[in-house]
Amino acid sequence: MEFRRCSSDRLAAPAAGGAVPAVVQRAQDIGTHVMLTAQVAGHTLKARLRTETAAPAPGTTVWLQVLGDKTCFYGPNEELVA
């Protein structure tokens, strides 16, 4: 299952509660937000970050807050699971 975070947030502090380490694959400045694509335990995670967040370089490990009231989980066909 692929999962994707759907809210605008900042990167989390290392080892913060509800956060996971993720290896950045790509960070795109979209103008209204930064779209981050990363790998977490073999799964793709996409995070929509606030524009004031500096886009991390590919290969960098960052911590992402993945559990929260605006978290969305998607199946392999982009259908909303939870």
N, C-alpha and C. Protein backbone atom coordinates (compact mmCIF):
# COMPACT_ATOMS: atom_id res chain seq x y z
N MET A 1 0.83 -1.18 0.00
CA MET A 1 0.00 0.00 0.00
C MET A 1 0.88 1.24 0.00
N GLU A 2 0.55 2.17 -0.85
CA GLU A 2 1.20 3.47 -0.81
C GLU A 2 0.46 4.33 0.19
N PHE A 3 1.19 5.20 0.83
CA PHE A 3 0.51 6.14 1.69
C PHE A 3 1.04 7.53 1.44
N ARG A 4 0.19 8.50 1.69
CA ARG A 4 0.56 9.87 1.39
C ARG A 4 -0.06 10.80 2.42
N ARG A 5 0.73 11.71 2.89
CA ARG A 5 0.23 12.72 3.82
C ARG A 5 -0.34 13.87 3.00
N CYS A 6 -1.48 14.37 3.41
CA CYS A 6 -2.19 15.35 2.60
C CYS A 6 -2.26 16.74 3.20
N SER A 7 -1.59 16.99 4.27
CA SER A 7 -1.68 18.32 4.85
C SER A 7 -0.40 19.11 4.62
N SER A 8 -0.48 20.40 4.85
CA SER A 8 0.69 21.25 4.76
C SER A 8 1.35 21.31 6.13
N ASP A 9 2.53 20.83 6.21
CA ASP A 9 3.23 20.78 7.48
C ASP A 9 4.71 21.01 7.29
N ARG A 10 5.37 21.22 8.40
CA ARG A 10 6.83 21.34 8.39
C ARG A 10 7.43 19.97 8.66
N LEU A 11 8.72 19.86 8.40
CA LEU A 11 9.43 18.64 8.75
C LEU A 11 9.44 18.50 10.27
N ALA A 12 9.43 17.27 10.76
CA ALA A 12 9.41 17.01 12.19
C ALA A 12 10.82 16.96 12.75
N ALA A 13 10.93 17.12 14.05
CA ALA A 13 12.22 16.96 14.73
C ALA A 13 12.57 15.47 14.73
N PRO A 14 13.85 15.13 14.68
CA PRO A 14 14.23 13.72 14.71
C PRO A 14 13.62 13.00 15.90
N ALA A 15 13.07 11.83 15.63
CA ALA A 15 12.47 10.94 16.63
C ALA A 15 11.25 11.54 17.34
N ALA A 16 10.62 12.55 16.73
CA ALA A 16 9.40 13.13 17.32
C ALA A 16 8.29 12.09 17.32
N GLY A 17 7.40 12.17 18.27
CA GLY A 17 6.29 11.24 18.36
C GLY A 17 5.43 11.30 17.10
N GLY A 18 5.12 10.15 16.52
CA GLY A 18 4.31 10.09 15.31
C GLY A 18 5.07 10.37 14.04
N ALA A 19 6.38 10.59 14.14
CA ALA A 19 7.19 10.89 12.96
C ALA A 19 8.02 9.68 12.57
N VAL A 20 8.34 9.59 11.28
CA VAL A 20 9.16 8.50 10.77
C VAL A 20 10.31 9.08 9.94
N PRO A 21 11.46 8.37 9.92
CA PRO A 21 12.54 8.82 9.05
C PRO A 21 12.20 8.44 7.60
N ALA A 22 12.47 9.34 6.69
CA ALA A 22 12.17 9.13 5.27
C ALA A 22 13.35 9.59 4.43
N VAL A 23 13.66 8.83 3.38
CA VAL A 23 14.74 9.21 2.48
C VAL A 23 14.13 9.95 1.29
N VAL A 24 14.56 11.17 1.10
CA VAL A 24 14.01 12.04 0.06
C VAL A 24 14.39 11.51 -1.32
N GLN A 25 13.38 11.40 -2.18
CA GLN A 25 13.61 11.06 -3.59
C GLN A 25 13.57 12.32 -4.45
N ARG A 26 12.62 13.20 -4.12
CA ARG A 26 12.45 14.42 -4.91
C ARG A 26 11.72 15.46 -4.08
N ALA A 27 12.07 16.71 -4.27
CA ALA A 27 11.35 17.83 -3.65
C ALA A 27 11.10 18.86 -4.74
N GLN A 28 9.82 19.19 -4.93
CA GLN A 28 9.44 20.13 -5.98
C GLN A 28 8.78 21.35 -5.36
N ASP A 29 9.30 22.52 -5.69
CA ASP A 29 8.66 23.76 -5.27
C ASP A 29 7.53 24.03 -6.25
N ILE A 30 6.30 23.88 -5.78
CA ILE A 30 5.12 24.04 -6.63
C ILE A 30 4.65 25.50 -6.63
N GLY A 31 5.16 26.29 -5.73
CA GLY A 31 4.75 27.70 -5.62
C GLY A 31 3.88 27.91 -4.39
N THR A 32 2.81 27.13 -4.27
CA THR A 32 1.94 27.22 -3.10
C THR A 32 2.38 26.28 -1.98
N HIS A 33 3.25 25.33 -2.32
CA HIS A 33 3.79 24.37 -1.35
C HIS A 33 4.99 23.66 -1.96
N VAL A 34 5.67 22.88 -1.14
CA VAL A 34 6.75 22.02 -1.61
C VAL A 34 6.23 20.59 -1.55
N MET A 35 6.23 19.88 -2.69
CA MET A 35 5.79 18.49 -2.73
C MET A 35 7.02 17.60 -2.58
N LEU A 36 7.05 16.86 -1.48
CA LEU A 36 8.19 15.99 -1.17
C LEU A 36 7.79 14.55 -1.43
N THR A 37 8.62 13.84 -2.19
CA THR A 37 8.43 12.41 -2.42
C THR A 37 9.58 11.70 -1.72
N ALA A 38 9.24 10.72 -0.87
CA ALA A 38 10.27 10.03 -0.09
C ALA A 38 9.92 8.56 0.07
N GLN A 39 10.89 7.78 0.52
CA GLN A 39 10.70 6.36 0.79
C GLN A 39 10.75 6.12 2.29
N VAL A 40 9.78 5.36 2.77
CA VAL A 40 9.72 4.97 4.18
C VAL A 40 9.47 3.47 4.21
N ALA A 41 10.43 2.71 4.66
CA ALA A 41 10.29 1.25 4.77
C ALA A 41 9.79 0.63 3.47
N GLY A 42 10.30 1.08 2.34
CA GLY A 42 9.93 0.52 1.05
C GLY A 42 8.64 1.05 0.47
N HIS A 43 8.00 2.01 1.12
CA HIS A 43 6.75 2.60 0.66
C HIS A 43 6.99 4.04 0.23
N THR A 44 6.24 4.48 -0.76
CA THR A 44 6.32 5.87 -1.20
C THR A 44 5.44 6.74 -0.34
N LEU A 45 5.99 7.85 0.10
CA LEU A 45 5.24 8.83 0.89
C LEU A 45 5.37 10.17 0.20
N LYS A 46 4.26 10.88 0.06
CA LYS A 46 4.29 12.22 -0.50
C LYS A 46 3.80 13.17 0.58
N ALA A 47 4.58 14.20 0.82
CA ALA A 47 4.24 15.18 1.85
C ALA A 47 4.13 16.55 1.22
N ARG A 48 3.06 17.23 1.54
CA ARG A 48 2.86 18.61 1.08
C ARG A 48 3.34 19.52 2.20
N LEU A 49 4.47 20.17 1.97
CA LEU A 49 5.10 21.00 2.99
C LEU A 49 4.83 22.47 2.73
N ARG A 50 4.88 23.26 3.77
CA ARG A 50 4.72 24.71 3.64
C ARG A 50 5.83 25.30 2.80
N THR A 51 5.52 26.40 2.13
CA THR A 51 6.50 27.01 1.23
C THR A 51 7.74 27.51 1.96
N GLU A 52 7.61 27.86 3.23
CA GLU A 52 8.79 28.34 3.96
C GLU A 52 9.74 27.20 4.35
N THR A 53 9.34 25.96 4.09
CA THR A 53 10.21 24.82 4.36
C THR A 53 11.24 24.70 3.24
N ALA A 54 12.50 24.70 3.60
CA ALA A 54 13.56 24.53 2.59
C ALA A 54 13.47 23.12 2.01
N ALA A 55 13.49 23.02 0.69
CA ALA A 55 13.39 21.72 0.03
C ALA A 55 14.65 20.91 0.29
N PRO A 56 14.52 19.75 0.96
CA PRO A 56 15.71 18.91 1.21
C PRO A 56 16.21 18.24 -0.06
N ALA A 57 17.49 17.97 -0.12
CA ALA A 57 18.12 17.38 -1.30
C ALA A 57 17.79 15.89 -1.39
N PRO A 58 17.69 15.35 -2.61
CA PRO A 58 17.50 13.91 -2.78
C PRO A 58 18.59 13.13 -2.06
N GLY A 59 18.19 12.02 -1.42
CA GLY A 59 19.13 11.19 -0.67
C GLY A 59 19.23 11.57 0.79
N THR A 60 18.71 12.74 1.14
CA THR A 60 18.72 13.21 2.52
C THR A 60 17.67 12.46 3.34
N THR A 61 17.98 12.14 4.59
CA THR A 61 16.98 11.57 5.49
C THR A 61 16.36 12.70 6.29
N VAL A 62 15.03 12.76 6.25
CA VAL A 62 14.27 13.75 7.00
C VAL A 62 13.25 13.01 7.87
N TRP A 63 12.71 13.69 8.85
CA TRP A 63 11.66 13.12 9.69
C TRP A 63 10.34 13.78 9.31
N LEU A 64 9.33 12.94 9.04
CA LEU A 64 8.03 13.43 8.63
C LEU A 64 6.96 12.99 9.63
N GLN A 65 6.12 13.92 9.99
CA GLN A 65 4.99 13.64 10.89
C GLN A 65 3.91 12.99 10.04
N VAL A 66 3.69 11.70 10.17
CA VAL A 66 2.75 11.00 9.29
C VAL A 66 1.42 10.66 9.96
N LEU A 67 1.33 10.80 11.25
CA LEU A 67 0.07 10.53 11.93
C LEU A 67 -0.51 11.83 12.44
N GLY A 68 -1.69 12.15 11.99
CA GLY A 68 -2.35 13.38 12.40
C GLY A 68 -3.75 13.44 11.84
N ASP A 69 -4.47 14.47 12.17
CA ASP A 69 -5.86 14.58 11.75
C ASP A 69 -6.03 14.82 10.25
N LYS A 70 -4.96 15.18 9.55
CA LYS A 70 -5.05 15.41 8.11
C LYS A 70 -4.27 14.38 7.30
N THR A 71 -3.94 13.24 7.91
CA THR A 71 -3.23 12.19 7.21
C THR A 71 -4.21 11.39 6.36
N CYS A 72 -3.82 11.10 5.13
CA CYS A 72 -4.64 10.28 4.23
C CYS A 72 -3.81 9.10 3.75
N PHE A 73 -4.42 7.94 3.67
CA PHE A 73 -3.75 6.75 3.16
C PHE A 73 -4.43 6.32 1.87
N TYR A 74 -3.61 6.01 0.85
CA TYR A 74 -4.13 5.64 -0.47
C TYR A 74 -3.64 4.25 -0.84
N GLY A 75 -4.47 3.52 -1.58
CA GLY A 75 -4.10 2.21 -2.10
C GLY A 75 -3.31 2.37 -3.39
N PRO A 76 -2.95 1.26 -4.02
CA PRO A 76 -2.10 1.30 -5.22
C PRO A 76 -2.75 2.00 -6.42
N ASN A 77 -4.07 2.10 -6.45
CA ASN A 77 -4.75 2.78 -7.55
C ASN A 77 -5.19 4.19 -7.19
N GLU A 78 -4.53 4.78 -6.19
CA GLU A 78 -4.82 6.13 -5.71
C GLU A 78 -6.19 6.28 -5.07
N GLU A 79 -6.83 5.14 -4.69
CA GLU A 79 -8.10 5.25 -3.99
C GLU A 79 -7.85 5.51 -2.51
N LEU A 80 -8.67 6.37 -1.94
CA LEU A 80 -8.54 6.71 -0.53
C LEU A 80 -8.92 5.51 0.33
N VAL A 81 -8.01 5.11 1.22
CA VAL A 81 -8.24 3.95 2.09
C VAL A 81 -8.66 4.43 3.48
N ALA A 82 -7.97 5.41 4.01
CA ALA A 82 -8.30 5.95 5.34
C ALA A 82 -7.80 7.37 5.47
